[in-house]
Protein backbone atom coordinates (compact mmCIF):
# COMPACT_ATOMS: atom_id res chain seq x y z
CA MET A 1 0.00 0.00 0.00
CA SER A 2 1.21 3.52 -0.78
CA ALA A 3 2.61 5.59 2.09
CA VAL A 4 0.39 8.46 0.93
CA GLN A 5 -2.83 8.51 2.95
CA ARG A 6 -5.81 7.48 0.86
CA HIS A 7 -8.69 9.94 0.60
CA ALA A 8 -12.39 9.14 0.29
CA VAL A 9 -15.17 11.65 -0.36
CA VAL A 10 -18.63 10.63 0.84
CA ALA A 11 -21.72 12.31 -0.61
CA GLY A 12 -24.29 12.29 2.18
CA ALA A 13 -24.16 12.19 5.98
CA GLY A 14 -27.00 9.75 6.53
CA ILE A 15 -26.57 6.54 8.48
CA GLY A 16 -24.91 4.68 5.59
CA GLY A 17 -22.61 7.53 4.61
CA LEU A 18 -21.42 8.11 8.17
CA ALA A 19 -20.93 4.38 8.79
CA ALA A 20 -18.89 4.05 5.60
CA ALA A 21 -16.80 7.07 6.54
CA LEU A 22 -16.14 5.58 9.97
CA ALA A 23 -15.24 2.17 8.53
CA LEU A 24 -12.68 3.76 6.22
CA HIS A 25 -11.36 6.08 8.93
CA ARG A 26 -10.75 3.10 11.21
CA HIS A 27 -8.65 1.57 8.44
CA GLY A 28 -6.46 4.64 7.96
CA TRP A 29 -8.30 6.55 5.26
CA ARG A 30 -8.79 10.30 5.33
CA VAL A 31 -12.50 10.96 4.85
CA THR A 32 -14.45 14.02 3.77
CA VAL A 33 -18.23 13.80 4.16
CA CYS A 34 -20.27 16.36 2.22
CA GLU A 35 -23.80 16.90 3.52
CA ARG A 36 -26.27 19.28 1.88
CA ALA A 37 -28.11 20.00 5.15
CA ALA A 38 -26.85 22.99 7.10
CA GLY A 39 -26.11 20.86 10.15
CA PRO A 40 -27.16 17.84 12.17
CA THR A 41 -30.84 17.79 13.06
CA ALA A 42 -32.88 16.23 15.86
CA VAL A 43 -35.90 16.00 13.58
CA GLY A 44 -36.51 12.54 12.27
CA ALA A 45 -37.77 9.12 13.21
CA GLY A 46 -36.73 5.94 14.87
CA ILE A 47 -34.68 3.10 13.50
CA VAL A 48 -34.55 -0.51 14.62
CA LEU A 49 -31.08 -1.98 14.31
CA ALA A 50 -31.62 -5.69 13.74
CA PRO A 51 -28.96 -8.23 14.81
CA ASN A 52 -27.38 -8.19 11.34
CA ALA A 53 -26.84 -4.42 11.51
CA LEU A 54 -25.46 -4.57 15.04
CA ARG A 55 -23.06 -7.28 13.90
CA ALA A 56 -21.98 -5.11 10.97
CA LEU A 57 -21.37 -2.16 13.31
CA ASP A 58 -19.27 -4.44 15.49
CA THR A 59 -17.01 -5.27 12.55
CA ILE A 60 -16.44 -1.54 12.06
CA GLY A 61 -15.41 -1.29 15.70
CA PHE A 62 -18.42 0.79 16.75
CA ASP A 63 -20.65 -0.01 19.73
CA ILE A 64 -23.83 2.05 19.55
CA THR A 65 -24.97 0.79 22.96
CA ARG A 66 -22.40 3.07 24.59
CA ALA A 67 -24.34 6.04 23.25
CA ALA A 68 -27.89 4.67 23.18
CA GLY A 69 -28.04 2.12 25.96
CA ARG A 70 -29.31 -1.42 25.65
CA ALA A 71 -33.01 -1.11 26.52
CA VAL A 72 -35.02 -3.60 24.48
CA PRO A 73 -38.69 -4.65 24.56
CA ALA A 74 -39.69 -7.95 26.12
CA ALA A 75 -41.68 -8.92 23.02
CA MET A 76 -42.74 -7.63 19.61
CA GLY A 77 -45.21 -8.65 16.99
CA VAL A 78 -48.23 -7.97 14.78
CA ARG A 79 -51.74 -7.14 16.03
CA ARG A 80 -55.22 -6.58 14.67
CA PRO A 81 -57.03 -3.24 15.17
CA ASP A 82 -59.00 -4.81 18.02
CA GLY A 83 -55.73 -5.59 19.81
CA ARG A 84 -55.57 -9.34 19.29
CA TRP A 85 -52.11 -10.64 18.43
CA LEU A 86 -51.55 -12.25 15.05
CA SER A 87 -47.95 -13.14 15.86
CA ARG A 88 -45.60 -12.40 18.72
CA ALA A 89 -41.90 -13.01 19.24
CA ASP A 90 -40.07 -13.13 22.55
CA THR A 91 -37.04 -10.83 22.51
CA ALA A 92 -34.97 -13.11 24.73
CA ALA A 93 -35.54 -15.95 22.29
CA LEU A 94 -34.48 -13.72 19.40
CA ALA A 95 -31.31 -12.78 21.28
CA ALA A 96 -30.50 -16.42 21.97
CA ARG A 97 -31.08 -17.38 18.35
CA PHE A 98 -29.35 -14.48 16.60
CA GLY A 99 -26.66 -13.39 19.06
CA GLY A 100 -28.38 -10.28 20.34
CA PRO A 101 -31.74 -8.49 20.39
CA PRO A 102 -32.75 -5.67 18.06
CA LEU A 103 -32.05 -2.15 19.33
CA ALA A 104 -34.49 0.70 18.66
CA LEU A 105 -33.23 4.28 18.85
CA HIS A 106 -33.72 7.69 17.30
CA ARG A 107 -31.96 8.11 13.98
CA SER A 108 -30.37 11.33 15.18
CA ALA A 109 -28.84 9.49 18.16
CA LEU A 110 -27.22 6.99 15.82
CA ALA A 111 -26.07 9.68 13.39
CA ASP A 112 -24.65 11.81 16.21
CA ALA A 113 -22.75 8.87 17.66
CA LEU A 114 -21.27 7.94 14.27
CA ALA A 115 -20.31 11.57 13.59
CA ALA A 116 -18.68 11.90 17.02
CA ALA A 117 -16.42 8.93 16.20
CA LEU A 118 -15.03 10.77 13.14
CA PRO A 119 -12.40 13.52 13.15
CA ALA A 120 -13.92 16.93 13.92
CA THR A 121 -13.14 18.26 10.44
CA ALA A 122 -14.42 15.25 8.50
CA ILE A 123 -18.01 16.43 7.94
CA ARG A 124 -18.75 19.51 5.83
CA TYR A 125 -22.34 20.61 6.36
CA GLY A 126 -24.09 22.83 3.87
CA VAL A 127 -22.08 21.31 1.00
CA ALA A 128 -24.00 19.40 -1.67
CA VAL A 129 -22.25 17.12 -4.15
CA THR A 130 -23.62 17.98 -7.59
CA SER A 131 -21.59 15.62 -9.78
CA VAL A 132 -18.46 13.49 -10.05
CA ASP A 133 -16.27 13.77 -13.12
CA ASP A 134 -13.68 11.25 -14.31
CA ALA A 135 -14.87 8.56 -11.91
CA THR A 136 -12.71 5.95 -13.64
CA GLY A 137 -9.47 7.92 -13.41
CA SER A 138 -8.84 10.75 -10.98
CA PRO A 139 -12.27 11.78 -9.67
CA VAL A 140 -13.19 15.43 -9.34
CA VAL A 141 -16.08 15.91 -6.94
CA ARG A 142 -18.15 18.95 -7.90
CA THR A 143 -19.96 20.64 -5.03
CA ASP A 144 -21.89 23.88 -4.65
CA ALA A 145 -19.01 25.07 -2.47
CA GLY A 146 -16.24 24.28 -4.97
CA ASP A 147 -14.43 21.26 -6.37
CA LEU A 148 -12.67 18.53 -4.42
CA ASP A 149 -9.72 17.06 -6.34
CA GLY A 150 -7.52 14.08 -5.69
CA ALA A 151 -10.02 11.61 -4.24
CA ASP A 152 -9.02 7.97 -4.43
CA LEU A 153 -12.63 6.94 -3.84
CA VAL A 154 -16.07 8.56 -3.96
CA ILE A 155 -19.05 7.06 -2.14
CA ALA A 156 -22.54 8.02 -3.32
CA ALA A 157 -24.64 7.83 -0.16
CA ASP A 158 -26.91 10.55 -1.51
CA GLY A 159 -30.23 8.93 -0.79
CA ILE A 160 -33.23 7.50 -2.57
CA HIS A 161 -33.29 10.28 -5.18
CA SER A 162 -29.53 9.97 -5.77
CA PRO A 163 -28.41 12.43 -8.47
CA LEU A 164 -25.25 10.37 -8.95
CA ARG A 165 -27.30 7.25 -9.61
CA ARG A 166 -29.37 9.07 -12.22
CA ARG A 167 -26.24 10.38 -13.94
CA TYR A 168 -24.32 7.11 -14.14
CA PHE A 169 -27.31 4.85 -14.77
CA PRO A 170 -29.39 7.01 -17.14
CA ASP A 171 -31.33 4.02 -18.54
CA HIS A 172 -32.43 2.74 -15.15
CA PRO A 173 -36.22 3.02 -14.66
CA GLY A 174 -35.79 4.83 -11.34
CA LEU A 175 -38.24 4.58 -8.48
CA HIS A 176 -41.42 2.55 -8.05
CA HIS A 177 -44.27 3.87 -5.88
CA SER A 178 -45.55 1.25 -3.45
CA GLY A 179 -49.08 2.64 -3.36
CA GLU A 180 -48.66 3.82 0.25
CA THR A 181 -47.73 6.91 2.19
CA ALA A 182 -46.19 6.91 5.67
CA TRP A 183 -46.37 9.25 8.64
CA ARG A 184 -43.64 9.13 11.30
CA THR A 185 -42.98 10.94 14.54
CA VAL A 186 -41.32 10.48 17.94
CA LEU A 187 -43.02 11.25 21.25
CA PRO A 188 -40.97 12.49 24.22
CA ALA A 189 -40.53 10.10 27.12
CA ALA A 190 -42.85 12.20 29.29
CA ALA A 191 -45.67 11.64 26.78
CA SER A 192 -45.17 7.89 26.61
CA PRO A 193 -47.75 5.75 28.48
CA ALA A 194 -46.29 3.13 30.80
CA GLY A 195 -46.24 -0.42 29.53
CA THR A 196 -46.24 0.45 25.83
CA VAL A 197 -45.11 -2.56 23.78
CA THR A 198 -43.51 -2.88 20.36
CA ALA A 199 -46.12 -3.82 17.78
CA GLU A 200 -47.33 -3.21 14.26
CA THR A 201 -51.10 -3.29 13.82
CA TRP A 202 -52.58 -4.30 10.47
CA GLY A 203 -55.96 -3.12 9.26
CA ARG A 204 -57.43 -2.84 5.77
CA GLY A 205 -54.90 -0.90 3.72
CA GLU A 206 -53.65 0.77 6.90
CA ARG A 207 -50.97 -0.01 9.47
CA PHE A 208 -49.84 1.57 12.73
CA GLY A 209 -46.51 0.91 14.46
CA VAL A 210 -45.45 1.61 18.04
CA VAL A 211 -41.78 1.21 18.95
CA PRO A 212 -40.40 2.22 22.39
CA LEU A 213 -36.87 3.59 21.95
CA ALA A 214 -33.86 2.89 24.11
CA ASP A 215 -33.95 6.41 25.64
CA GLY A 216 -37.60 6.19 26.75
CA ARG A 217 -39.18 7.98 23.82
CA ILE A 218 -41.69 6.27 21.53
CA TYR A 219 -41.45 6.07 17.76
CA LEU A 220 -44.79 6.04 15.97
CA TYR A 221 -45.41 5.32 12.32
CA ALA A 222 -48.49 4.77 10.20
CA THR A 223 -49.08 3.81 6.58
CA ALA A 224 -52.10 4.04 4.33
CA VAL A 225 -52.93 3.10 0.76
CA VAL A 226 -53.39 6.50 -0.94
CA PRO A 227 -52.26 8.10 -4.22
CA PRO A 228 -48.81 9.73 -4.25
CA GLY A 229 -48.90 13.35 -3.18
CA HIS A 230 -51.82 12.94 -0.75
CA ARG A 231 -51.25 15.49 2.02
CA PRO A 232 -54.02 16.08 4.58
CA ALA A 233 -54.52 19.65 5.80
CA ASP A 234 -54.90 18.47 9.41
CA VAL A 235 -52.49 15.64 10.19
CA ARG A 236 -53.85 14.79 13.65
CA ALA A 237 -57.43 14.75 12.38
CA GLU A 238 -56.41 12.46 9.51
CA LEU A 239 -54.60 10.04 11.78
CA LEU A 240 -57.42 10.01 14.33
CA ARG A 241 -59.94 9.37 11.56
CA ARG A 242 -57.94 6.38 10.34
CA TYR A 243 -56.61 4.90 13.60
CA GLY A 244 -58.48 6.61 16.44
CA THR A 245 -60.77 3.61 17.11
CA TRP A 246 -57.96 1.05 17.13
CA HIS A 247 -56.75 -0.69 20.27
CA ASP A 248 -55.07 1.07 23.18
CA PRO A 249 -52.74 2.88 23.44
CA ILE A 250 -53.02 4.10 19.83
CA PRO A 251 -55.79 6.71 20.41
CA ASP A 252 -53.97 8.11 23.44
CA LEU A 253 -50.68 8.29 21.55
CA LEU A 254 -52.32 10.13 18.66
CA GLU A 255 -53.71 12.75 21.04
CA ARG A 256 -50.16 13.43 22.25
CA ILE A 257 -48.46 14.00 18.89
CA ASP A 258 -47.14 17.37 17.76
CA PRO A 259 -48.46 17.77 14.20
CA ALA A 260 -45.48 19.98 13.31
CA ALA A 261 -43.12 17.10 14.16
CA VAL A 262 -44.89 14.54 11.97
CA LEU A 263 -42.99 13.57 8.83
CA GLN A 264 -44.86 12.28 5.80
CA HIS A 265 -43.27 10.51 2.85
CA ASP A 266 -44.71 8.45 0.04
CA LEU A 267 -43.07 5.02 0.01
CA TYR A 268 -40.87 4.09 -2.94
CA ASP A 269 -38.32 1.47 -3.80
CA LEU A 270 -36.14 0.92 -6.85
CA ALA A 271 -38.19 -0.27 -9.81
CA ALA A 272 -35.37 -2.65 -10.77
CA PRO A 273 -31.94 -3.53 -9.38
CA LEU A 274 -28.86 -1.61 -10.44
CA PRO A 275 -26.55 -3.72 -12.60
CA ARG A 276 -23.69 -3.00 -10.19
CA PHE A 277 -22.90 -0.75 -7.23
CA HIS A 278 -19.77 0.82 -8.64
CA HIS A 279 -18.30 2.68 -11.59
CA GLY A 280 -14.54 3.04 -11.57
CA ARG A 281 -13.72 4.72 -8.26
CA LEU A 282 -17.33 5.61 -7.47
CA ALA A 283 -19.47 3.34 -5.25
CA TRP A 284 -23.16 3.51 -4.37
CA LEU A 285 -24.41 2.66 -0.91
CA GLY A 286 -27.71 2.48 1.00
CA ASP A 287 -30.84 3.95 -0.58
CA ALA A 288 -28.77 5.30 -3.47
CA ALA A 289 -27.88 1.71 -4.37
CA HIS A 290 -30.91 -0.36 -3.36
CA ALA A 291 -33.80 1.74 -2.04
CA MET A 292 -36.39 -0.53 -0.46
CA THR A 293 -39.67 -0.09 1.35
CA PRO A 294 -39.51 -0.24 5.16
CA ASN A 295 -41.69 -3.32 5.49
CA LEU A 296 -38.89 -5.54 6.81
CA GLY A 297 -37.10 -2.79 8.73
CA GLN A 298 -33.96 -3.44 6.71
CA GLY A 299 -33.30 -0.23 4.75
CA GLY A 300 -30.92 1.32 7.27
CA CYS A 301 -29.61 -2.10 8.30
CA GLN A 302 -28.56 -2.88 4.74
CA ALA A 303 -26.82 0.50 4.47
CA VAL A 304 -24.79 -0.39 7.57
CA GLU A 305 -23.93 -3.77 6.03
CA ASP A 306 -22.80 -1.97 2.85
CA ALA A 307 -20.53 0.25 4.92
CA ALA A 308 -18.95 -2.66 6.77
CA VAL A 309 -18.27 -4.64 3.59
CA LEU A 310 -16.92 -1.60 1.76
CA GLY A 311 -14.56 -0.72 4.59
CA HIS A 312 -13.40 -4.33 4.87
CA LEU A 313 -12.59 -4.64 1.16
CA LEU A 314 -10.81 -1.27 1.03
CA ALA A 315 -8.89 -1.70 4.28
CA GLY A 316 -5.59 -2.65 2.70
CA ALA A 317 -6.19 -1.33 -0.80
CA GLY A 318 -3.70 1.05 -2.37
CA ARG A 319 -4.88 3.61 -4.88
CA GLU A 320 -4.39 1.25 -7.78
CA ASP A 321 -6.47 -1.44 -6.02
CA VAL A 322 -9.63 0.62 -5.50
CA PRO A 323 -11.49 -0.31 -8.73
CA ALA A 324 -10.96 -4.03 -8.08
CA ALA A 325 -12.10 -3.64 -4.48
CA LEU A 326 -15.28 -1.92 -5.65
CA THR A 327 -15.90 -4.72 -8.14
CA ALA A 328 -15.71 -7.13 -5.21
CA TYR A 329 -18.08 -4.88 -3.24
CA SER A 330 -20.68 -5.09 -6.01
CA ALA A 331 -20.29 -8.86 -6.12
CA ALA A 332 -20.73 -9.12 -2.36
CA ARG A 333 -23.76 -6.84 -2.03
CA CYS A 334 -25.95 -6.80 -5.14
CA ALA A 335 -27.69 -10.16 -4.77
CA ARG A 336 -28.40 -9.89 -1.03
CA THR A 337 -29.76 -6.36 -1.12
CA ASP A 338 -31.96 -7.03 -4.13
CA ALA A 339 -33.41 -10.16 -2.57
CA ILE A 340 -34.34 -8.12 0.50
CA ARG A 341 -35.77 -5.32 -1.66
CA ILE A 342 -38.07 -7.84 -3.34
CA ARG A 343 -39.05 -9.43 -0.02
CA ALA A 344 -39.88 -6.01 1.42
CA ARG A 345 -42.07 -5.17 -1.57
CA ARG A 346 -43.95 -8.47 -1.30
CA ALA A 347 -44.41 -8.07 2.46
CA GLY A 348 -45.83 -4.60 1.89
CA ARG A 349 -48.36 -5.89 -0.60
CA VAL A 350 -49.60 -8.45 1.91
CA ALA A 351 -49.79 -5.96 4.77
CA ALA A 352 -51.58 -3.38 2.60
CA LEU A 353 -54.44 -5.61 1.43
CA THR A 354 -57.78 -3.82 1.45
CA HIS A 355 -60.48 -6.36 0.47
CA PRO A 356 -62.19 -7.74 3.59
CA LEU A 357 -61.96 -11.37 2.47
CA ALA A 358 -58.28 -11.02 1.53
CA VAL A 359 -57.56 -9.38 4.89
CA ALA A 360 -59.35 -12.16 6.77
CA VAL A 361 -57.37 -14.84 4.91
CA ARG A 362 -54.12 -12.92 5.50
CA ASP A 363 -54.76 -12.62 9.24
CA LEU A 364 -55.64 -16.31 9.52
CA ALA A 365 -52.48 -17.26 7.61
CA VAL A 366 -50.27 -15.13 9.86
CA ARG A 367 -51.79 -16.63 13.01
CA ALA A 368 -51.40 -20.16 11.63
CA THR A 369 -47.77 -19.80 10.52
CA PRO A 370 -45.55 -22.12 12.61
CA ALA A 371 -42.78 -20.50 14.63
CA ARG A 372 -40.17 -22.52 12.78
CA VAL A 373 -41.25 -20.94 9.48
CA THR A 374 -41.08 -17.45 10.98
CA ASN A 375 -37.66 -18.17 12.46
CA ARG A 376 -36.38 -19.43 9.11
CA ALA A 377 -37.52 -16.21 7.43
CA MET A 378 -35.83 -14.08 10.10
CA ALA A 379 -32.65 -16.13 9.79
CA GLY A 380 -32.29 -15.10 6.16
CA LEU A 381 -32.19 -11.48 7.28
CA PHE A 382 -30.41 -11.62 10.60
CA ASP A 383 -27.87 -14.36 9.81
CA GLY A 384 -27.24 -13.23 6.24
CA PHE A 385 -24.49 -10.70 6.93
CA ALA A 386 -20.88 -11.77 6.48
CA LEU A 387 -17.70 -10.05 5.45
CA PRO A 388 -16.26 -11.48 2.21
CA ASP A 389 -12.93 -13.29 2.27
CA GLY A 390 -12.84 -13.89 6.00
CA MET A 391 -12.61 -11.55 8.98
CA ASP A 392 -8.90 -10.84 9.00
CA THR A 393 -9.24 -7.06 8.68
CA VAL A 394 -11.68 -6.56 11.56
CA PRO A 395 -10.12 -4.18 14.12
CA ARG A 396 -8.64 -5.97 17.13
CA GLY A 397 -11.15 -6.85 19.83
CA VAL A 398 -14.16 -6.30 17.61
CA GLY A 399 -16.98 -8.81 17.33
CA ALA A 400 -16.62 -10.39 20.77
CA ARG A 401 -20.35 -10.00 21.47
CA TRP A 402 -21.22 -12.09 18.43
């Protein structure tokens, strides 16, 4: 490897971009993260880090529990609007089977912890990457604050609407609307009723999720089958109309929301897989590479996996080795992420059924599904992460919990 320090430019300071920057930093790279937002924000939603994502963070040498704690629910599952459980999983059993329980926390807590592990000058807020020229040779990163020359690697973590994806894959069909919109918000701990459990409730073309976070707050989300662009004038009234008669504590939680803090986004995924996740010295990661609907809770988890694999493959790469390392990254990540994208789309279609007979059959099928079948499906997600070519570049002491 060259004695000259390698330099990576990351477009986007989301979870995937920050995790990739940290993975490279831990392996001796100099990293510059360009983020179009003016600064970090506390506005946002929750994220559930499944065992596969926690394992990937471990390989980077990052323990989020030091920042977020280790509070986990006793159980989680799927309910009907009347409160009856369709399926329920014991968290202790999940931990025993998969090496650790899921961890739910606010996205800003995770982003802040990742950012704090980077050098103070690594992140440039208020700087948007507009294009990358000469990605196969000596990349020039164009930003609205000037050009960045001399990058050995550029990572496009620029989100679901990735301009860099559109530029380098102009024939790709782009995004596919799922038919649903989603509302998300986080309630303060003081507004959280005691005994709230983690659950997603399925109705007819509507869902409502309740997820207690590690810091005592509660993450709420709801989805509904509506045309893209549907935006109610009164968010609380809309949510109460749809979910206000559902089981406790949903009505009480809806009364406590701050409408100004409710995010709404139509749900999209990629209409088709990208043919590869790299072009020369440019790599795509997270939603920019494999945007998926949130139905399996794996969007952010897969971005973290991307980051861990990318850092692993580039750990000992000199400048001349970067294109080959990115080819290996595409080979390691394309099939797994696309399989999960397809599974998430199919799961969303089942959960969003609207015909009463179809909903009744769905609910009966979920209740009748044997635990071994459910465990096998979870194993494909939670046990599916692995670093290619062994674990020899994992930082010393990392991975002991797994």
